[in-house]
């Protein structure tokens, strides 16, 4: 199963909200704080796009989906991926942040 590098972080239900560049910057900071870093390529590729009341977090780097998966290769000798689920965790933190800011429930739509 292939993961998409594009995630709709949240969309307000029945709400008139204004997503602005400050909110987008804070969402990006959440993702940057959780993103794994070896050489910084992944963090440099994370960006946030706002379109109406839809906010998208995008990473176009080809290996991004693999940074979040379980390690199953023998080369890892049974060790766990310390970065597993970092993107999903960031999505959940972002949704919580948006819900607190706007006082309305936000949900993830993929």
PDB file of N, CA and C in Angstrom:
ATOM      1  N   UNK A   1       0.841  -1.169   0.000  1.00  0.00           N
ATOM      2  CA  UNK A   1       0.000   0.000   0.000  1.00  0.00           C
ATOM      3  C   UNK A   1       0.890   1.237   0.000  1.00  0.00           C
ATOM      4  N   UNK A   2       0.652   2.128  -0.902  1.00  0.00           N
ATOM      5  CA  UNK A   2       1.467   3.330  -1.035  1.00  0.00           C
ATOM      6  C   UNK A   2       0.836   4.482  -0.283  1.00  0.00           C
ATOM      7  N   UNK A   3       1.668   5.200   0.452  1.00  0.00           N
ATOM      8  CA  UNK A   3       1.185   6.363   1.192  1.00  0.00           C
ATOM      9  C   UNK A   3       1.282   7.591   0.332  1.00  0.00           C
ATOM     10  N   UNK A   4       0.343   8.446   0.503  1.00  0.00           N
ATOM     11  CA  UNK A   4       0.385   9.730  -0.175  1.00  0.00           C
ATOM     12  C   UNK A   4       1.203  10.690   0.661  1.00  0.00           C
ATOM     13  N   UNK A   5       1.963  11.533   0.010  1.00  0.00           N
ATOM     14  CA  UNK A   5       2.729  12.543   0.721  1.00  0.00           C
ATOM     15  C   UNK A   5       1.896  13.790   0.955  1.00  0.00           C
ATOM     16  N   UNK A   6       0.655  13.755   0.545  1.00  0.00           N
ATOM     17  CA  UNK A   6      -0.239  14.896   0.742  1.00  0.00           C
ATOM     18  C   UNK A   6      -1.285  14.488   1.767  1.00  0.00           C
ATOM     19  N   UNK A   7      -1.463  15.294   2.764  1.00  0.00           N
ATOM     20  CA  UNK A   7      -2.449  15.019   3.802  1.00  0.00           C
ATOM     21  C   UNK A   7      -3.317  16.247   3.998  1.00  0.00           C
ATOM     22  N   UNK A   8      -4.618  16.042   4.017  1.00  0.00           N
ATOM     23  CA  UNK A   8      -5.507  17.113   4.433  1.00  0.00           C
ATOM     24  C   UNK A   8      -5.550  17.043   5.947  1.00  0.00           C
ATOM     25  N   UNK A   9      -4.916  17.991   6.589  1.00  0.00           N
ATOM     26  CA  UNK A   9      -4.829  17.948   8.039  1.00  0.00           C
ATOM     27  C   UNK A   9      -6.198  18.095   8.660  1.00  0.00           C
ATOM     28  N   UNK A  10      -6.977  18.991   8.196  1.00  0.00           N
ATOM     29  CA  UNK A  10      -8.288  19.127   8.803  1.00  0.00           C
ATOM     30  C   UNK A  10      -9.179  20.042   8.010  1.00  0.00           C
ATOM     31  N   UNK A  11     -10.453  19.870   8.229  1.00  0.00           N
ATOM     32  CA  UNK A  11     -11.427  20.748   7.607  1.00  0.00           C
ATOM     33  C   UNK A  11     -12.520  20.989   8.636  1.00  0.00           C
ATOM     34  N   UNK A  12     -12.800  22.234   8.889  1.00  0.00           N
ATOM     35  CA  UNK A  12     -13.834  22.564   9.871  1.00  0.00           C
ATOM     36  C   UNK A  12     -15.190  22.173   9.322  1.00  0.00           C
ATOM     37  N   UNK A  13     -15.996  21.612  10.172  1.00  0.00           N
ATOM     38  CA  UNK A  13     -17.356  21.235   9.793  1.00  0.00           C
ATOM     39  C   UNK A  13     -18.311  22.359  10.163  1.00  0.00           C
ATOM     40  N   UNK A  14     -19.080  22.818   9.198  1.00  0.00           N
ATOM     41  CA  UNK A  14     -20.087  23.848   9.438  1.00  0.00           C
ATOM     42  C   UNK A  14     -19.503  25.041  10.182  1.00  0.00           C
ATOM     43  N   UNK A  15     -18.334  25.466   9.772  1.00  0.00           N
ATOM     44  CA  UNK A  15     -17.691  26.566  10.480  1.00  0.00           C
ATOM     45  C   UNK A  15     -17.154  27.569   9.478  1.00  0.00           C
ATOM     46  N   UNK A  16     -17.315  28.813   9.824  1.00  0.00           N
ATOM     47  CA  UNK A  16     -16.712  29.877   9.038  1.00  0.00           C
ATOM     48  C   UNK A  16     -15.436  30.272   9.767  1.00  0.00           C
ATOM     49  N   UNK A  17     -14.308  29.809   9.270  1.00  0.00           N
ATOM     50  CA  UNK A  17     -13.033  30.124   9.907  1.00  0.00           C
ATOM     51  C   UNK A  17     -12.094  30.683   8.856  1.00  0.00           C
ATOM     52  N   UNK A  18     -11.134  31.416   9.318  1.00  0.00           N
ATOM     53  CA  UNK A  18     -10.135  31.953   8.409  1.00  0.00           C
ATOM     54  C   UNK A  18      -8.791  31.359   8.780  1.00  0.00           C
ATOM     55  N   UNK A  19      -8.253  30.569   7.886  1.00  0.00           N
ATOM     56  CA  UNK A  19      -6.908  30.039   8.068  1.00  0.00           C
ATOM     57  C   UNK A  19      -5.947  31.055   7.482  1.00  0.00           C
ATOM     58  N   UNK A  20      -4.996  31.493   8.249  1.00  0.00           N
ATOM     59  CA  UNK A  20      -4.070  32.499   7.754  1.00  0.00           C
ATOM     60  C   UNK A  20      -2.639  31.977   7.798  1.00  0.00           C
ATOM     61  N   UNK A  21      -1.715  32.808   7.393  1.00  0.00           N
ATOM     62  CA  UNK A  21      -0.321  32.391   7.309  1.00  0.00           C
ATOM     63  C   UNK A  21       0.272  32.099   8.685  1.00  0.00           C
ATOM     64  N   UNK A  22      -0.207  32.752   9.737  1.00  0.00           N
ATOM     65  CA  UNK A  22       0.299  32.473  11.078  1.00  0.00           C
ATOM     66  C   UNK A  22      -0.124  31.082  11.547  1.00  0.00           C
ATOM     67  N   UNK A  23      -1.351  30.712  11.265  1.00  0.00           N
ATOM     68  CA  UNK A  23      -1.834  29.371  11.618  1.00  0.00           C
ATOM     69  C   UNK A  23      -1.052  28.336  10.810  1.00  0.00           C
ATOM     70  N   UNK A  24      -0.886  28.577   9.520  1.00  0.00           N
ATOM     71  CA  UNK A  24      -0.134  27.649   8.669  1.00  0.00           C
ATOM     72  C   UNK A  24       1.304  27.505   9.165  1.00  0.00           C
ATOM     73  N   UNK A  25       1.913  28.607   9.584  1.00  0.00           N
ATOM     74  CA  UNK A  25       3.289  28.557  10.088  1.00  0.00           C
ATOM     75  C   UNK A  25       3.372  27.727  11.366  1.00  0.00           C
ATOM     76  N   UNK A  26       2.370  27.845  12.231  1.00  0.00           N
ATOM     77  CA  UNK A  26       2.369  27.051  13.462  1.00  0.00           C
ATOM     78  C   UNK A  26       2.196  25.570  13.154  1.00  0.00           C
ATOM     79  N   UNK A  27       1.342  25.248  12.210  1.00  0.00           N
ATOM     80  CA  UNK A  27       1.163  23.843  11.796  1.00  0.00           C
ATOM     81  C   UNK A  27       2.480  23.307  11.251  1.00  0.00           C
ATOM     82  N   UNK A  28       3.153  24.093  10.433  1.00  0.00           N
ATOM     83  CA  UNK A  28       4.450  23.662   9.890  1.00  0.00           C
ATOM     84  C   UNK A  28       5.446  23.416  11.021  1.00  0.00           C
ATOM     85  N   UNK A  29       5.442  24.276  12.040  1.00  0.00           N
ATOM     86  CA  UNK A  29       6.350  24.089  13.178  1.00  0.00           C
ATOM     87  C   UNK A  29       6.074  22.776  13.911  1.00  0.00           C
ATOM     88  N   UNK A  30       4.809  22.401  14.012  1.00  0.00           N
ATOM     89  CA  UNK A  30       4.456  21.122  14.640  1.00  0.00           C
ATOM     90  C   UNK A  30       5.091  19.978  13.858  1.00  0.00           C
ATOM     91  N   UNK A  31       4.970  20.023  12.530  1.00  0.00           N
ATOM     92  CA  UNK A  31       5.545  18.962  11.704  1.00  0.00           C
ATOM     93  C   UNK A  31       7.071  18.969  11.761  1.00  0.00           C
ATOM     94  N   UNK A  32       7.656  20.141  11.763  1.00  0.00           N
ATOM     95  CA  UNK A  32       9.121  20.222  11.835  1.00  0.00           C
ATOM     96  C   UNK A  32       9.636  19.687  13.165  1.00  0.00           C
ATOM     97  N   UNK A  33       8.916  19.923  14.237  1.00  0.00           N
ATOM     98  CA  UNK A  33       9.333  19.444  15.556  1.00  0.00           C
ATOM     99  C   UNK A  33       9.317  17.920  15.633  1.00  0.00           C
ATOM    100  N   UNK A  34       8.407  17.280  14.905  1.00  0.00           N
ATOM    101  CA  UNK A  34       8.277  15.825  14.958  1.00  0.00           C
ATOM    102  C   UNK A  34       9.040  15.097  13.855  1.00  0.00           C
ATOM    103  N   UNK A  35       9.430  15.802  12.814  1.00  0.00           N
ATOM    104  CA  UNK A  35      10.074  15.157  11.655  1.00  0.00           C
ATOM    105  C   UNK A  35      11.458  14.628  12.019  1.00  0.00           C
ATOM    106  N   UNK A  36      11.782  13.431  11.508  1.00  0.00           N
ATOM    107  CA  UNK A  36      13.127  12.917  11.726  1.00  0.00           C
ATOM    108  C   UNK A  36      14.141  13.777  10.967  1.00  0.00           C
ATOM    109  N   UNK A  37      15.337  13.826  11.500  1.00  0.00           N
ATOM    110  CA  UNK A  37      16.356  14.646  10.835  1.00  0.00           C
ATOM    111  C   UNK A  37      17.673  13.896  10.802  1.00  0.00           C
ATOM    112  N   UNK A  38      18.152  13.709   9.611  1.00  0.00           N
ATOM    113  CA  UNK A  38      19.483  13.138   9.435  1.00  0.00           C
ATOM    114  C   UNK A  38      20.353  14.191   8.769  1.00  0.00           C
ATOM    115  N   UNK A  39      19.912  14.609   7.599  1.00  0.00           N
ATOM    116  CA  UNK A  39      20.638  15.661   6.877  1.00  0.00           C
ATOM    117  C   UNK A  39      19.773  16.892   6.650  1.00  0.00           C
ATOM    118  N   UNK A  40      18.516  16.834   7.054  1.00  0.00           N
ATOM    119  CA  UNK A  40      17.631  17.987   6.955  1.00  0.00           C
ATOM    120  C   UNK A  40      16.813  18.072   5.677  1.00  0.00           C
ATOM    121  N   UNK A  41      16.992  17.131   4.758  1.00  0.00           N
ATOM    122  CA  UNK A  41      16.266  17.172   3.487  1.00  0.00           C
ATOM    123  C   UNK A  41      14.768  17.068   3.664  1.00  0.00           C
ATOM    124  N   UNK A  42      14.329  16.184   4.532  1.00  0.00           N
ATOM    125  CA  UNK A  42      12.899  16.006   4.757  1.00  0.00           C
ATOM    126  C   UNK A  42      12.283  17.272   5.339  1.00  0.00           C
ATOM    127  N   UNK A  43      12.921  17.851   6.338  1.00  0.00           N
ATOM    128  CA  UNK A  43      12.376  19.059   6.960  1.00  0.00           C
ATOM    129  C   UNK A  43      12.305  20.219   5.973  1.00  0.00           C
ATOM    130  N   UNK A  44      13.279  20.314   5.089  1.00  0.00           N
ATOM    131  CA  UNK A  44      13.255  21.401   4.102  1.00  0.00           C
ATOM    132  C   UNK A  44      12.111  21.248   3.108  1.00  0.00           C
ATOM    133  N   UNK A  45      11.614  20.040   2.919  1.00  0.00           N
ATOM    134  CA  UNK A  45      10.560  19.788   1.941  1.00  0.00           C
ATOM    135  C   UNK A  45       9.151  19.920   2.502  1.00  0.00           C
ATOM    136  N   UNK A  46       8.995  20.055   3.801  1.00  0.00           N
ATOM    137  CA  UNK A  46       7.659  20.153   4.396  1.00  0.00           C
ATOM    138  C   UNK A  46       7.120  21.560   4.177  1.00  0.00           C
ATOM    139  N   UNK A  47       5.923  21.617   3.607  1.00  0.00           N
ATOM    140  CA  UNK A  47       5.281  22.914   3.414  1.00  0.00           C
ATOM    141  C   UNK A  47       3.783  22.779   3.684  1.00  0.00           C
ATOM    142  N   UNK A  48       3.166  23.909   3.922  1.00  0.00           N
ATOM    143  CA  UNK A  48       1.742  23.938   4.238  1.00  0.00           C
ATOM    144  C   UNK A  48       1.046  24.818   3.207  1.00  0.00           C
ATOM    145  N   UNK A  49      -0.061  24.319   2.664  1.00  0.00           N
ATOM    146  CA  UNK A  49      -0.880  25.088   1.726  1.00  0.00           C
ATOM    147  C   UNK A  49      -2.264  25.266   2.321  1.00  0.00           C
ATOM    148  N   UNK A  50      -2.791  26.459   2.210  1.00  0.00           N
ATOM    149  CA  UNK A  50      -4.131  26.767   2.689  1.00  0.00           C
ATOM    150  C   UNK A  50      -4.984  27.150   1.494  1.00  0.00           C
ATOM    151  N   UNK A  51      -6.138  26.506   1.398  1.00  0.00           N
ATOM    152  CA  UNK A  51      -7.082  26.797   0.325  1.00  0.00           C
ATOM    153  C   UNK A  51      -8.474  26.830   0.933  1.00  0.00           C
ATOM    154  N   UNK A  52      -8.998  28.026   1.135  1.00  0.00           N
ATOM    155  CA  UNK A  52     -10.288  28.161   1.818  1.00  0.00           C
ATOM    156  C   UNK A  52     -10.160  27.682   3.250  1.00  0.00           C
ATOM    157  N   UNK A  53     -11.004  26.706   3.625  1.00  0.00           N
ATOM    158  CA  UNK A  53     -10.896  26.158   4.974  1.00  0.00           C
ATOM    159  C   UNK A  53     -10.223  24.783   4.974  1.00  0.00           C
ATOM    160  N   UNK A  54      -9.452  24.510   3.930  1.00  0.00           N
ATOM    161  CA  UNK A  54      -8.679  23.262   3.848  1.00  0.00           C
ATOM    162  C   UNK A  54      -7.207  23.588   3.986  1.00  0.00           C
ATOM    163  N   UNK A  55      -6.551  22.843   4.840  1.00  0.00           N
ATOM    164  CA  UNK A  55      -5.131  23.022   5.081  1.00  0.00           C
ATOM    165  C   UNK A  55      -4.430  21.721   4.689  1.00  0.00           C
ATOM    166  N   UNK A  56      -3.436  21.804   3.832  1.00  0.00           N
ATOM    167  CA  UNK A  56      -2.691  20.613   3.385  1.00  0.00           C
ATOM    168  C   UNK A  56      -1.242  20.730   3.817  1.00  0.00           C
ATOM    169  N   UNK A  57      -0.728  19.640   4.351  1.00  0.00           N
ATOM    170  CA  UNK A  57       0.694  19.543   4.664  1.00  0.00           C
ATOM    171  C   UNK A  57       1.287  18.640   3.602  1.00  0.00           C
ATOM    172  N   UNK A  58       2.344  19.124   2.952  1.00  0.00           N
ATOM    173  CA  UNK A  58       2.911  18.420   1.810  1.00  0.00           C
ATOM    174  C   UNK A  58       4.403  18.200   2.009  1.00  0.00           C
ATOM    175  N   UNK A  59       4.831  17.005   1.670  1.00  0.00           N
ATOM    176  CA  UNK A  59       6.256  16.690   1.608  1.00  0.00           C
ATOM    177  C   UNK A  59       6.471  15.917   0.317  1.00  0.00           C
ATOM    178  N   UNK A  60       7.199  16.500  -0.603  1.00  0.00           N
ATOM    179  CA  UNK A  60       7.413  15.861  -1.905  1.00  0.00           C
ATOM    180  C   UNK A  60       8.652  14.975  -1.945  1.00  0.00           C
ATOM    181  N   UNK A  61       9.353  14.849  -0.840  1.00  0.00           N
ATOM    182  CA  UNK A  61      10.577  14.053  -0.859  1.00  0.00           C
ATOM    183  C   UNK A  61      10.203  12.578  -0.973  1.00  0.00           C
ATOM    184  N   UNK A  62      10.868  11.876  -1.850  1.00  0.00           N
ATOM    185  CA  UNK A  62      10.462  10.519  -2.219  1.00  0.00           C
ATOM    186  C   UNK A  62      10.470   9.533  -1.060  1.00  0.00           C
ATOM    187  N   UNK A  63      11.336   9.701  -0.078  1.00  0.00           N
ATOM    188  CA  UNK A  63      11.448   8.705   0.989  1.00  0.00           C
ATOM    189  C   UNK A  63      10.575   9.013   2.214  1.00  0.00           C
ATOM    190  N   UNK A  64       9.809  10.088   2.167  1.00  0.00           N
ATOM    191  CA  UNK A  64       8.999  10.453   3.330  1.00  0.00           C
ATOM    192  C   UNK A  64       8.122   9.317   3.845  1.00  0.00           C
ATOM    193  N   UNK A  65       7.384   8.599   2.986  1.00  0.00           N
ATOM    194  CA  UNK A  65       6.521   7.537   3.523  1.00  0.00           C
ATOM    195  C   UNK A  65       7.295   6.469   4.291  1.00  0.00           C
ATOM    196  N   UNK A  66       8.538   6.223   3.918  1.00  0.00           N
ATOM    197  CA  UNK A  66       9.318   5.172   4.567  1.00  0.00           C
ATOM    198  C   UNK A  66       9.802   5.582   5.952  1.00  0.00           C
ATOM    199  N   UNK A  67       9.841   6.885   6.240  1.00  0.00           N
ATOM    200  CA  UNK A  67      10.311   7.328   7.553  1.00  0.00           C
ATOM    201  C   UNK A  67       9.303   7.000   8.646  1.00  0.00           C
ATOM    202  N   UNK A  68       8.095   6.705   8.266  1.00  0.00           N
ATOM    203  CA  UNK A  68       7.026   6.453   9.229  1.00  0.00           C
ATOM    204  C   UNK A  68       6.671   4.994   9.404  1.00  0.00           C
ATOM    205  N   UNK A  69       7.237   4.114   8.616  1.00  0.00           N
ATOM    206  CA  UNK A  69       6.859   2.706   8.630  1.00  0.00           C
ATOM    207  C   UNK A  69       7.637   1.897   9.667  1.00  0.00           C
ATOM    208  N   UNK A  70       7.099   0.709   9.966  1.00  0.00           N
ATOM    209  CA  UNK A  70       7.834  -0.250  10.794  1.00  0.00           C
ATOM    210  C   UNK A  70       9.043  -0.738  10.014  1.00  0.00           C
ATOM    211  N   UNK A  71      10.105  -1.002  10.744  1.00  0.00           N
ATOM    212  CA  UNK A  71      11.294  -1.585  10.114  1.00  0.00           C
ATOM    213  C   UNK A  71      11.118  -3.092  10.091  1.00  0.00           C
ATOM    214  N   UNK A  72      11.099  -3.687   8.903  1.00  0.00           N
ATOM    215  CA  UNK A  72      10.924  -5.130   8.799  1.00  0.00           C
ATOM    216  C   UNK A  72      12.137  -5.800   8.157  1.00  0.00           C
ATOM    217  N   UNK A  73      13.053  -5.020   7.639  1.00  0.00           N
ATOM    218  CA  UNK A  73      14.235  -5.572   6.995  1.00  0.00           C
ATOM    219  C   UNK A  73      15.150  -6.227   8.030  1.00  0.00           C
ATOM    220  N   UNK A  74      15.835  -7.282   7.618  1.00  0.00           N
ATOM    221  CA  UNK A  74      16.781  -7.964   8.504  1.00  0.00           C
ATOM    222  C   UNK A  74      17.928  -7.055   8.922  1.00  0.00           C
ATOM    223  N   UNK A  75      18.226  -6.051   8.093  1.00  0.00           N
ATOM    224  CA  UNK A  75      19.346  -5.162   8.409  1.00  0.00           C
ATOM    225  C   UNK A  75      19.141  -4.402   9.716  1.00  0.00           C
ATOM    226  N   UNK A  76      17.886  -4.265  10.156  1.00  0.00           N
ATOM    227  CA  UNK A  76      17.613  -3.525  11.392  1.00  0.00           C
ATOM    228  C   UNK A  76      17.693  -4.427  12.619  1.00  0.00           C
ATOM    229  N   UNK A  77      17.858  -5.716  12.413  1.00  0.00           N
ATOM    230  CA  UNK A  77      18.057  -6.693  13.497  1.00  0.00           C
ATOM    231  C   UNK A  77      17.028  -6.566  14.620  1.00  0.00           C
ATOM    232  N   UNK A  78      15.762  -6.407  14.236  1.00  0.00           N
ATOM    233  CA  UNK A  78      14.690  -6.366  15.217  1.00  0.00           C
ATOM    234  C   UNK A  78      14.484  -5.022  15.914  1.00  0.00           C
ATOM    235  N   UNK A  79      15.310  -4.038  15.593  1.00  0.00           N
ATOM    236  CA  UNK A  79      15.139  -2.727  16.226  1.00  0.00           C
ATOM    237  C   UNK A  79      13.881  -2.053  15.695  1.00  0.00           C
ATOM    238  N   UNK A  80      13.313  -1.186  16.516  1.00  0.00           N
ATOM    239  CA  UNK A  80      12.129  -0.435  16.106  1.00  0.00           C
ATOM    240  C   UNK A  80      12.535   0.890  15.484  1.00  0.00           C
ATOM    241  N   UNK A  81      11.725   1.351  14.552  1.00  0.00           N
ATOM    242  CA  UNK A  81      11.938   2.649  13.923  1.00  0.00           C
ATOM    243  C   UNK A  81      11.581   3.735  14.942  1.00  0.00           C
ATOM    244  N   UNK A  82      12.550   4.541  15.370  1.00  0.00           N
ATOM    245  CA  UNK A  82      12.245   5.575  16.364  1.00  0.00           C
ATOM    246  C   UNK A  82      11.344   6.683  15.817  1.00  0.00           C
ATOM    247  N   UNK A  83      11.200   6.744  14.508  1.00  0.00           N
ATOM    248  CA  UNK A  83      10.387   7.785  13.879  1.00  0.00           C
ATOM    249  C   UNK A  83       9.002   7.298  13.482  1.00  0.00           C
ATOM    250  N   UNK A  84       8.724   6.040  13.744  1.00  0.00           N
ATOM    251  CA  UNK A  84       7.465   5.454  13.300  1.00  0.00           C
ATOM    252  C   UNK A  84       6.277   6.316  13.730  1.00  0.00           C
ATOM    253  N   UNK A  85       5.419   6.608  12.793  1.00  0.00           N
ATOM    254  CA  UNK A  85       4.172   7.342  13.005  1.00  0.00           C
ATOM    255  C   UNK A  85       4.383   8.828  13.311  1.00  0.00           C
ATOM    256  N   UNK A  86       5.538   9.393  12.994  1.00  0.00           N
ATOM    257  CA  UNK A  86       5.763  10.815  13.291  1.00  0.00           C
ATOM    258  C   UNK A  86       4.790  11.700  12.520  1.00  0.00           C
ATOM    259  N   UNK A  87       4.462  11.326  11.290  1.00  0.00           N
ATOM    260  CA  UNK A  87       3.565  12.151  10.481  1.00  0.00           C
ATOM    261  C   UNK A  87       2.141  12.099  11.039  1.00  0.00           C
ATOM    262  N   UNK A  88       1.680  10.896  11.361  1.00  0.00           N
ATOM    263  CA  UNK A  88       0.338  10.755  11.934  1.00  0.00           C
ATOM    264  C   UNK A  88       0.238  11.502  13.265  1.00  0.00           C
ATOM    265  N   UNK A  89       1.289  11.419  14.067  1.00  0.00           N
ATOM    266  CA  UNK A  89       1.322  12.146  15.343  1.00  0.00           C
ATOM    267  C   UNK A  89       1.221  13.660  15.091  1.00  0.00           C
ATOM    268  N   UNK A  90       1.927  14.144  14.095  1.00  0.00           N
ATOM    269  CA  UNK A  90       1.883  15.564  13.748  1.00  0.00           C
ATOM    270  C   UNK A  90       0.498  15.986  13.281  1.00  0.00           C
ATOM    271  N   UNK A  91      -0.157  15.127  12.512  1.00  0.00           N
ATOM    272  CA  UNK A  91      -1.525  15.415  12.056  1.00  0.00           C
ATOM    273  C   UNK A  91      -2.447  15.550  13.264  1.00  0.00           C
ATOM    274  N   UNK A  92      -2.356  14.605  14.192  1.00  0.00           N
ATOM    275  CA  UNK A  92      -3.218  14.652  15.377  1.00  0.00           C
ATOM    276  C   UNK A  92      -2.937  15.896  16.221  1.00  0.00           C
ATOM    277  N   UNK A  93      -1.671  16.257  16.399  1.00  0.00           N
ATOM    278  CA  UNK A  93      -1.326  17.464  17.155  1.00  0.00           C
ATOM    279  C   UNK A  93      -1.852  18.716  16.455  1.00  0.00           C
ATOM    280  N   UNK A  94      -1.795  18.725  15.143  1.00  0.00           N
ATOM    281  CA  UNK A  94      -2.291  19.868  14.375  1.00  0.00           C
ATOM    282  C   UNK A  94      -3.802  20.006  14.498  1.00  0.00           C
ATOM    283  N   UNK A  95      -4.494  18.887  14.443  1.00  0.00           N
ATOM    284  CA  UNK A  95      -5.950  18.911  14.601  1.00  0.00           C
ATOM    285  C   UNK A  95      -6.321  19.414  15.990  1.00  0.00           C
ATOM    286  N   UNK A  96      -5.607  18.945  17.007  1.00  0.00           N
ATOM    287  CA  UNK A  96      -5.854  19.429  18.371  1.00  0.00           C
ATOM    288  C   UNK A  96      -5.611  20.938  18.467  1.00  0.00           C
ATOM    289  N   UNK A  97      -4.524  21.390  17.852  1.00  0.00           N
ATOM    290  CA  UNK A  97      -4.194  22.819  17.856  1.00  0.00           C
ATOM    291  C   UNK A  97      -5.315  23.630  17.204  1.00  0.00           C
ATOM    292  N   UNK A  98      -5.768  23.207  16.028  1.00  0.00           N
ATOM    293  CA  UNK A  98      -6.833  23.921  15.319  1.00  0.00           C
ATOM    294  C   UNK A  98      -8.138  23.927  16.119  1.00  0.00           C
ATOM    295  N   UNK A  99      -8.437  22.810  16.758  1.00  0.00           N
ATOM    296  CA  UNK A  99      -9.654  22.729  17.564  1.00  0.00           C
ATOM    297  C   UNK A  99      -9.591  23.703  18.739  1.00  0.00           C
ATOM    298  N   UNK A 100      -8.422  23.815  19.370  1.00  0.00           N
ATOM    299  CA  UNK A 100      -8.270  24.753  20.494  1.00  0.00           C
ATOM    300  C   UNK A 100      -8.367  26.199  20.017  1.00  0.00           C
ATOM    301  N   UNK A 101      -7.734  26.510  18.916  1.00  0.00           N
ATOM    302  CA  UNK A 101      -7.716  27.881  18.402  1.00  0.00           C
ATOM    303  C   UNK A 101      -9.123  28.346  18.020  1.00  0.00           C
ATOM    304  N   UNK A 102      -9.849  27.495  17.303  1.00  0.00           N
ATOM    305  CA  UNK A 102     -11.150  27.893  16.767  1.00  0.00           C
ATOM    306  C   UNK A 102     -12.335  27.476  17.627  1.00  0.00           C
ATOM    307  N   UNK A 103     -12.080  26.655  18.650  1.00  0.00           N
ATOM    308  CA  UNK A 103     -13.172  26.224  19.519  1.00  0.00           C
ATOM    309  C   UNK A 103     -14.179  25.350  18.811  1.00  0.00           C
ATOM    310  N   UNK A 104     -13.760  24.726  17.732  1.00  0.00           N
ATOM    311  CA  UNK A 104     -14.628  23.837  16.960  1.00  0.00           C
ATOM    312  C   UNK A 104     -13.871  22.545  16.691  1.00  0.00           C
ATOM    313  N   UNK A 105     -14.624  21.471  16.473  1.00  0.00           N
ATOM    314  CA  UNK A 105     -13.999  20.191  16.204  1.00  0.00           C
ATOM    315  C   UNK A 105     -13.483  20.149  14.770  1.00  0.00           C
ATOM    316  N   UNK A 106     -12.267  19.693  14.608  1.00  0.00           N
ATOM    317  CA  UNK A 106     -11.665  19.488  13.293  1.00  0.00           C
ATOM    318  C   UNK A 106     -11.425  18.007  13.126  1.00  0.00           C
ATOM    319  N   UNK A 107     -11.552  17.534  11.894  1.00  0.00           N
ATOM    320  CA  UNK A 107     -11.334  16.121  11.602  1.00  0.00           C
ATOM    321  C   UNK A 107     -10.420  15.969  10.416  1.00  0.00           C
ATOM    322  N   UNK A 108      -9.713  14.869  10.394  1.00  0.00           N
ATOM    323  CA  UNK A 108      -8.820  14.542   9.290  1.00  0.00           C
ATOM    324  C   UNK A 108      -9.629  13.977   8.133  1.00  0.00           C
ATOM    325  N   UNK A 109      -9.341  14.482   6.943  1.00  0.00           N
ATOM    326  CA  UNK A 109      -9.929  13.924   5.727  1.00  0.00           C
ATOM    327  C   UNK A 109      -8.791  13.614   4.783  1.00  0.00           C
ATOM    328  N   UNK A 110      -8.690  12.371   4.336  1.00  0.00           N
ATOM    329  CA  UNK A 110      -7.592  11.996   3.423  1.00  0.00           C
ATOM    330  C   UNK A 110      -8.058  11.984   2.010  1.00  0.00           C
TER     331      UNK A 110
END
